[in-house]
Amino acid sequence: METNNTIDENNANPFPFSNLFLLKGYVTGKNEFWQYLVGIVAAFAGYLTFQLIMMIPLLSAAMSHGITMNEIAENPNILFNPEKIGIDKNLLLALMMGMFVFTLLFLWLAIRFIQKKPLSSIITGFENIRWKRYFFSFGVWGVLLTVLTVVSYLISPQDIEIRFNAGNFIVLLFVSIIFIPIQTATEELIFRGYLMQGFALVFKNGIIPLIITSVLFGLMHASNPEAKAHGLLIMMPYYIFFGAFLGILTLLDEGAELAMGIHCANNLLSSLLVCSKNSVLQTDAIFYSSVENPRGEFIVWLIMAAICFFILFKKYKLSNWKLLIR
C-alpha cells in the first residue's frame, strides 16, 4: 500500500512546503521563476511550430474546396471542420494532436537542459510515478462517462444517433490511443505540474497557484468551438471548474497521476463515444448528438465530478486539506 509521507508539520521543516509535490518543485534542479517563464515560452514555441507546419495541408484543403482567405480570417475554426475543408477526420485529429507532441518535446528540452531536472519532477512528489493511480482514475471517469452516454441514448434516442462505421472507428481508435494520452498529459504537466510548482515558488502556498492555473486552463479553452457557439459565460465555468477539480486532486494526492488519468479518460472516451456539431474534436464517434445543452451538461458534470472525487477520496484517503495550502 502506498503511503502519504508528507513532512510532519510539528517537526522542524526548513522548507516552505509540506506538500511533497510543491516541495519537489522547490528542491529538484534549478528553480528560478524566470526559468519557468523560459520553459513556458519554449512549450508555446513548440505548439506554434507544429501549428505552422499543420497549416500547410489545412489551408491547401480549404482553398481546394473554394474557401477563401477572407473567410478563414473571419472564422479560423473553419480549418478544423473536416466536412467544410474536405479532409479526413482522423487525419485532422492526428494533426491537431501533433501540436501537443511538439509542445511536450519543447517543454522537456527546457526542463532537462535549463532547469536540470527530470520530467517526472513535475508529475509526482514521490520517487516513482504512481501508474496504478493513473489507470484507476482513468477507469473511474471512463465508467462514469460511458454510463452517462448510454443512459442519455436510452432516454433520448431521438437526439442521439448511432453512426458507427467499423472501418473509420478502428482508425479513430488507433489515432486516439496514440495521441490523446500525449495531449492530455501535456496539458496536465503544464497546468497542474509545471505552472503549479512555478507559481508556488512565488506565492509560497498552493491555493493561489490552484486558482491561477485553473483560470489559465479555462482561458486556454476559450477559443474552442463550443465556447464560441454557446458563449464564454456558459462554457468558462465548466473549463475553470474542471481545472480546479484536477488541481485539487493534484495537491491532495501530492502528484498529478489522478488528474492525468481523469483528463485522458475524458478526452479519449469523448472522441470515441459522442460527437456533436460544436465538439472541439470532430471524429467518427459511435454516437452523434444533434442536441447540445451546455447548462444541463455542466450540472451532470458536477455530479460526475462529485462521485469521482468521493471514490478517490475514500480509496486514497485524501483527507489532509492542509496540503492545499502548503
Protein backbone atom coordinates (compact mmCIF):
# COMPACT_ATOMS: atom_id res chain seq x y z
CA MET A 1 0.00 0.00 0.00
CA GLU A 2 1.27 3.44 -0.91
CA THR A 3 1.64 5.79 1.99
CA ASN A 4 1.41 9.54 2.12
CA ASN A 5 4.76 10.53 3.61
CA THR A 6 4.05 14.23 3.90
CA ILE A 7 6.51 16.07 6.13
CA ASP A 8 5.20 16.35 9.67
CA GLU A 9 4.39 20.00 10.31
CA ASN A 10 5.12 19.51 14.00
CA ASN A 11 8.76 18.77 13.19
CA ALA A 12 11.28 21.38 12.21
CA ASN A 13 10.88 21.97 8.47
CA PRO A 14 13.44 24.18 6.75
CA PHE A 15 11.40 24.17 3.53
CA PRO A 16 8.43 26.40 2.65
CA PHE A 17 6.24 23.41 1.70
CA SER A 18 4.87 20.36 3.46
CA ASN A 19 3.21 19.19 0.24
CA LEU A 20 5.66 16.78 -1.40
CA PHE A 21 4.60 17.80 -4.89
CA LEU A 22 5.21 21.51 -4.30
CA LEU A 23 8.36 20.68 -2.37
CA LYS A 24 9.74 18.70 -5.29
CA GLY A 25 9.42 21.77 -7.49
CA TYR A 26 11.40 23.67 -4.87
CA VAL A 27 14.32 21.29 -4.29
CA THR A 28 14.78 19.49 -7.62
CA GLY A 29 17.07 21.08 -10.19
CA LYS A 30 17.22 24.83 -10.81
CA ASN A 31 14.06 26.73 -9.95
CA GLU A 32 14.32 30.44 -10.58
CA PHE A 33 10.98 31.84 -11.70
CA TRP A 34 12.49 33.22 -14.92
CA GLN A 35 13.44 29.65 -15.83
CA TYR A 36 9.79 28.65 -15.57
CA LEU A 37 8.92 31.51 -17.89
CA VAL A 38 11.51 30.26 -20.38
CA GLY A 39 10.02 26.77 -20.11
CA ILE A 40 6.51 28.04 -20.87
CA VAL A 41 7.80 30.11 -23.79
CA ALA A 42 9.58 27.01 -25.08
CA ALA A 43 6.39 24.93 -24.81
CA PHE A 44 4.41 27.62 -26.62
CA ALA A 45 7.10 27.79 -29.31
CA GLY A 46 6.74 24.03 -29.85
CA TYR A 47 2.98 24.43 -30.13
CA LEU A 48 3.27 27.25 -32.67
CA THR A 49 5.97 25.45 -34.66
CA PHE A 50 3.78 22.46 -35.36
CA GLN A 51 0.72 24.67 -35.86
CA LEU A 52 2.55 26.45 -38.67
CA ILE A 53 3.50 23.10 -40.18
CA MET A 54 -0.08 21.88 -39.83
CA MET A 55 -1.50 24.95 -41.58
CA ILE A 56 0.05 23.89 -44.90
CA PRO A 57 -2.20 20.86 -45.55
CA LEU A 58 -5.23 22.51 -43.89
CA LEU A 59 -5.01 25.70 -45.99
CA SER A 60 -4.44 23.65 -49.10
CA ALA A 61 -7.51 21.52 -48.40
CA ALA A 62 -9.64 24.55 -47.58
CA MET A 63 -8.73 26.51 -50.69
CA SER A 64 -9.19 23.45 -52.89
CA HIS A 65 -12.79 23.39 -51.61
CA GLY A 66 -13.42 27.04 -52.52
CA ILE A 67 -12.85 28.59 -49.10
CA THR A 68 -11.16 31.99 -49.40
CA MET A 69 -8.52 33.51 -47.13
CA ASN A 70 -11.05 36.18 -46.13
CA GLU A 71 -13.44 33.50 -44.90
CA ILE A 72 -10.62 31.84 -42.97
CA ALA A 73 -9.60 35.18 -41.43
CA GLU A 74 -13.18 35.81 -40.30
CA ASN A 75 -13.61 32.28 -38.93
CA PRO A 76 -10.28 30.46 -38.30
CA ASN A 77 -12.12 27.50 -36.76
CA ILE A 78 -13.34 26.57 -40.23
CA LEU A 79 -9.92 24.96 -40.77
CA PHE A 80 -10.76 22.47 -38.03
CA ASN A 81 -14.07 21.46 -39.58
CA PRO A 82 -13.24 18.37 -41.68
CA GLU A 83 -16.52 18.48 -43.61
CA LYS A 84 -16.01 22.12 -44.59
CA ILE A 85 -12.45 21.68 -45.88
CA GLY A 86 -12.86 18.11 -47.12
CA ILE A 87 -10.17 16.44 -45.04
CA ASP A 88 -10.31 13.04 -43.37
CA LYS A 89 -11.44 13.35 -39.75
CA ASN A 90 -8.78 11.01 -38.43
CA LEU A 91 -6.02 12.85 -40.28
CA LEU A 92 -7.26 16.14 -38.85
CA LEU A 93 -7.31 14.64 -35.35
CA ALA A 94 -3.72 13.40 -35.75
CA LEU A 95 -2.60 16.83 -36.97
CA MET A 96 -4.29 18.58 -34.05
CA MET A 97 -2.75 16.20 -31.53
CA GLY A 98 0.66 16.65 -33.16
CA MET A 99 0.79 20.17 -31.74
CA PHE A 100 0.89 18.69 -28.24
CA VAL A 101 3.69 16.28 -29.15
CA PHE A 102 5.85 19.28 -30.11
CA THR A 103 4.68 21.20 -27.04
CA LEU A 104 5.73 18.40 -24.71
CA LEU A 105 9.03 17.93 -26.55
CA PHE A 106 10.00 21.60 -26.25
CA LEU A 107 8.90 21.72 -22.60
CA TRP A 108 11.01 18.65 -21.84
CA LEU A 109 14.04 20.23 -23.52
CA ALA A 110 13.69 23.33 -21.33
CA ILE A 111 13.25 21.30 -18.14
CA ARG A 112 16.10 18.95 -19.00
CA PHE A 113 18.72 21.41 -20.17
CA ILE A 114 17.80 24.70 -18.47
CA GLN A 115 16.42 23.51 -15.14
CA LYS A 116 18.45 20.29 -15.00
CA LYS A 117 15.66 18.07 -13.67
CA PRO A 118 13.66 15.08 -14.89
CA LEU A 119 10.18 15.32 -16.36
CA SER A 120 8.92 13.13 -13.52
CA SER A 121 9.56 16.01 -11.09
CA ILE A 122 6.51 17.84 -12.46
CA ILE A 123 4.38 14.69 -12.41
CA THR A 124 4.68 13.42 -8.84
CA GLY A 125 6.08 14.34 -5.47
CA PHE A 126 7.11 10.72 -4.93
CA GLU A 127 10.16 8.84 -6.13
CA ASN A 128 8.30 6.98 -8.87
CA ILE A 129 5.28 7.80 -10.99
CA ARG A 130 2.26 6.02 -9.49
CA TRP A 131 0.78 4.45 -12.60
CA LYS A 132 -1.81 2.47 -10.64
CA ARG A 133 -3.40 5.76 -9.63
CA TYR A 134 -3.40 6.94 -13.25
CA PHE A 135 -5.20 3.86 -14.52
CA PHE A 136 -7.63 3.70 -11.58
CA SER A 137 -8.80 7.29 -12.05
CA PHE A 138 -8.95 6.67 -15.82
CA GLY A 139 -11.23 3.70 -15.13
CA VAL A 140 -13.49 5.56 -12.71
CA TRP A 141 -14.03 8.53 -15.03
CA GLY A 142 -14.29 6.26 -18.06
CA VAL A 143 -17.06 4.19 -16.47
CA LEU A 144 -18.97 7.31 -15.42
CA LEU A 145 -18.71 8.82 -18.90
CA THR A 146 -19.74 5.59 -20.62
CA VAL A 147 -22.75 5.12 -18.33
CA LEU A 148 -23.78 8.73 -18.94
CA THR A 149 -23.58 8.25 -22.72
CA VAL A 150 -25.60 5.02 -22.72
CA VAL A 151 -28.25 6.43 -20.36
CA SER A 152 -28.53 9.60 -22.48
CA TYR A 153 -29.10 7.48 -25.58
CA LEU A 154 -31.74 5.33 -23.87
CA ILE A 155 -33.58 8.37 -22.51
CA SER A 156 -33.43 10.49 -25.68
CA PRO A 157 -32.82 8.25 -28.72
CA GLN A 158 -34.35 10.95 -30.90
CA ASP A 159 -31.48 13.31 -30.01
CA ILE A 160 -28.59 10.84 -30.26
CA GLU A 161 -27.98 8.92 -33.46
CA ILE A 162 -25.79 5.84 -33.83
CA ARG A 163 -23.25 6.44 -36.60
CA PHE A 164 -20.92 3.52 -36.05
CA ASN A 165 -18.67 2.74 -39.01
CA ALA A 166 -16.28 -0.09 -38.20
CA GLY A 167 -13.55 0.92 -40.66
CA ASN A 168 -13.46 4.58 -39.65
CA PHE A 169 -13.81 3.73 -35.97
CA ILE A 170 -10.81 1.38 -35.97
CA VAL A 171 -8.62 4.12 -37.44
CA LEU A 172 -10.05 6.60 -34.91
CA LEU A 173 -9.32 4.18 -32.07
CA PHE A 174 -5.74 3.77 -33.26
CA VAL A 175 -5.12 7.52 -33.63
CA SER A 176 -6.84 8.35 -30.32
CA ILE A 177 -4.95 5.78 -28.26
CA ILE A 178 -1.63 7.06 -29.59
CA PHE A 179 -2.15 10.81 -29.45
CA ILE A 180 -4.81 11.71 -26.85
CA PRO A 181 -2.82 10.41 -23.84
CA ILE A 182 0.02 12.67 -25.02
CA GLN A 183 -2.32 15.64 -25.48
CA THR A 184 -3.93 15.32 -22.06
CA ALA A 185 -0.64 14.57 -20.31
CA THR A 186 0.86 17.69 -21.88
CA GLU A 187 -1.95 19.89 -20.57
CA GLU A 188 -1.72 18.34 -17.12
CA LEU A 189 2.07 18.65 -16.94
CA ILE A 190 1.85 22.31 -17.90
CA PHE A 191 -1.06 23.42 -15.72
CA ARG A 192 -1.22 21.02 -12.77
CA GLY A 193 2.52 20.34 -12.81
CA TYR A 194 4.87 22.96 -14.17
CA LEU A 195 2.84 26.12 -13.57
CA MET A 196 1.52 24.89 -10.21
CA GLN A 197 5.06 24.40 -8.93
CA GLY A 198 6.30 27.60 -10.56
CA PHE A 199 3.63 29.83 -9.04
CA ALA A 200 4.07 28.07 -5.68
CA LEU A 201 7.67 29.34 -5.64
CA VAL A 202 6.34 32.88 -5.90
CA PHE A 203 3.37 32.71 -3.51
CA LYS A 204 4.72 30.04 -1.12
CA ASN A 205 1.33 28.29 -0.97
CA GLY A 206 -0.92 26.07 -3.05
CA ILE A 207 -4.19 27.99 -3.06
CA ILE A 208 -3.16 30.93 -5.27
CA PRO A 209 -1.38 28.68 -7.81
CA LEU A 210 -4.52 26.50 -7.85
CA ILE A 211 -6.72 29.50 -8.69
CA ILE A 212 -4.31 30.92 -11.28
CA THR A 213 -3.76 27.63 -13.10
CA SER A 214 -7.48 26.86 -13.15
CA VAL A 215 -8.29 30.24 -14.70
CA LEU A 216 -5.44 29.88 -17.22
CA PHE A 217 -6.73 26.40 -18.07
CA GLY A 218 -10.12 27.94 -18.77
CA LEU A 219 -8.67 30.72 -20.90
CA MET A 220 -6.71 28.20 -22.96
CA HIS A 221 -10.02 26.61 -24.00
CA ALA A 222 -11.80 29.92 -24.64
CA SER A 223 -11.34 29.60 -28.41
CA ASN A 224 -12.92 26.13 -28.57
CA PRO A 225 -15.88 25.86 -30.99
CA GLU A 226 -18.33 25.13 -28.16
CA ALA A 227 -17.24 28.30 -26.36
CA LYS A 228 -17.88 30.37 -29.49
CA ALA A 229 -21.22 28.64 -30.10
CA HIS A 230 -22.63 28.84 -26.57
CA GLY A 231 -20.73 31.81 -25.14
CA LEU A 232 -17.96 32.17 -22.59
CA LEU A 233 -20.39 32.86 -19.74
CA ILE A 234 -21.71 29.33 -20.14
CA MET A 235 -18.54 27.44 -21.04
CA MET A 236 -15.86 29.16 -18.94
CA PRO A 237 -17.26 27.94 -15.59
CA TYR A 238 -17.03 24.37 -16.91
CA TYR A 239 -13.43 24.80 -18.06
CA ILE A 240 -12.34 26.53 -14.85
CA PHE A 241 -14.16 24.08 -12.57
CA PHE A 242 -12.62 21.16 -14.45
CA GLY A 243 -9.17 22.71 -13.96
CA ALA A 244 -9.86 23.35 -10.28
CA PHE A 245 -11.16 19.79 -9.79
CA LEU A 246 -7.97 18.34 -11.28
CA GLY A 247 -5.81 20.83 -9.38
CA ILE A 248 -7.37 19.97 -6.01
CA LEU A 249 -6.77 16.26 -6.66
CA THR A 250 -3.15 17.01 -7.60
CA LEU A 251 -2.48 18.90 -4.38
CA LEU A 252 -4.35 16.48 -2.11
CA ASP A 253 -2.61 13.47 -3.65
CA GLU A 254 0.77 15.24 -3.99
CA GLY A 255 1.06 14.29 -7.65
CA ALA A 256 -0.72 14.68 -10.97
CA GLU A 257 -1.37 10.99 -11.68
CA LEU A 258 -5.07 11.08 -10.75
CA ALA A 259 -5.64 14.25 -12.75
CA MET A 260 -3.82 12.82 -15.77
CA GLY A 261 -5.95 9.67 -15.72
CA ILE A 262 -9.25 11.57 -15.50
CA HIS A 263 -8.28 14.04 -18.22
CA CYS A 264 -7.17 11.24 -20.54
CA ALA A 265 -10.36 9.24 -19.99
CA ASN A 266 -12.47 12.36 -20.57
CA ASN A 267 -10.92 13.27 -23.93
CA LEU A 268 -10.32 9.73 -25.16
CA LEU A 269 -13.84 8.46 -24.41
CA SER A 270 -15.39 11.69 -25.67
CA SER A 271 -13.63 11.30 -29.02
CA LEU A 272 -14.74 7.68 -29.31
CA LEU A 273 -18.29 7.86 -27.96
CA VAL A 274 -20.03 11.11 -28.90
CA CYS A 275 -19.56 13.89 -31.41
CA SER A 276 -21.76 16.93 -31.97
CA LYS A 277 -21.84 19.98 -34.22
CA ASN A 278 -19.64 22.09 -31.95
CA SER A 279 -17.37 19.42 -30.48
CA VAL A 280 -13.76 20.53 -30.46
CA LEU A 281 -12.80 17.07 -31.73
CA GLN A 282 -14.78 16.22 -34.86
CA THR A 283 -14.48 12.42 -35.01
CA ASP A 284 -16.16 9.32 -36.40
CA ALA A 285 -17.56 8.56 -32.94
CA ILE A 286 -20.14 5.86 -32.23
CA PHE A 287 -22.88 8.40 -31.44
CA TYR A 288 -23.77 11.78 -32.91
CA SER A 289 -25.75 14.18 -30.73
CA SER A 290 -27.99 16.63 -32.57
CA VAL A 291 -28.83 18.49 -29.37
CA GLU A 292 -26.38 20.48 -27.23
CA ASN A 293 -27.36 21.57 -23.74
CA PRO A 294 -24.26 23.03 -22.06
CA ARG A 295 -26.10 24.13 -18.91
CA GLY A 296 -27.54 20.69 -18.33
CA GLU A 297 -24.27 19.03 -19.24
CA PHE A 298 -22.44 21.19 -16.70
CA ILE A 299 -24.82 20.10 -13.94
CA VAL A 300 -24.33 16.47 -14.91
CA TRP A 301 -20.55 17.03 -14.95
CA LEU A 302 -20.68 18.43 -11.39
CA ILE A 303 -22.47 15.26 -10.26
CA MET A 304 -19.90 13.07 -12.04
CA ALA A 305 -17.03 15.04 -10.50
CA ALA A 306 -18.56 14.68 -7.02
CA ILE A 307 -18.94 10.91 -7.44
CA CYS A 308 -15.42 10.55 -8.80
CA PHE A 309 -13.94 12.69 -6.04
CA PHE A 310 -15.77 10.68 -3.37
CA ILE A 311 -14.40 7.40 -4.76
CA LEU A 312 -10.82 8.71 -4.96
CA PHE A 313 -11.14 10.44 -1.59
CA LYS A 314 -12.10 7.16 0.07
CA LYS A 315 -9.66 4.92 -1.77
CA TYR A 316 -6.58 7.10 -1.35
CA LYS A 317 -7.56 8.79 1.96
CA LEU A 318 -7.21 12.32 0.56
CA SER A 319 -8.18 13.92 3.85
CA ASN A 320 -5.22 16.20 4.60
CA TRP A 321 -6.71 19.51 3.44
CA LYS A 322 -3.64 21.38 4.68
CA LEU A 323 -1.91 20.07 1.55
CA LEU A 324 -3.97 22.61 -0.43
CA ILE A 325 -2.19 25.37 1.44
CA ARG A 326 1.42 24.26 1.88
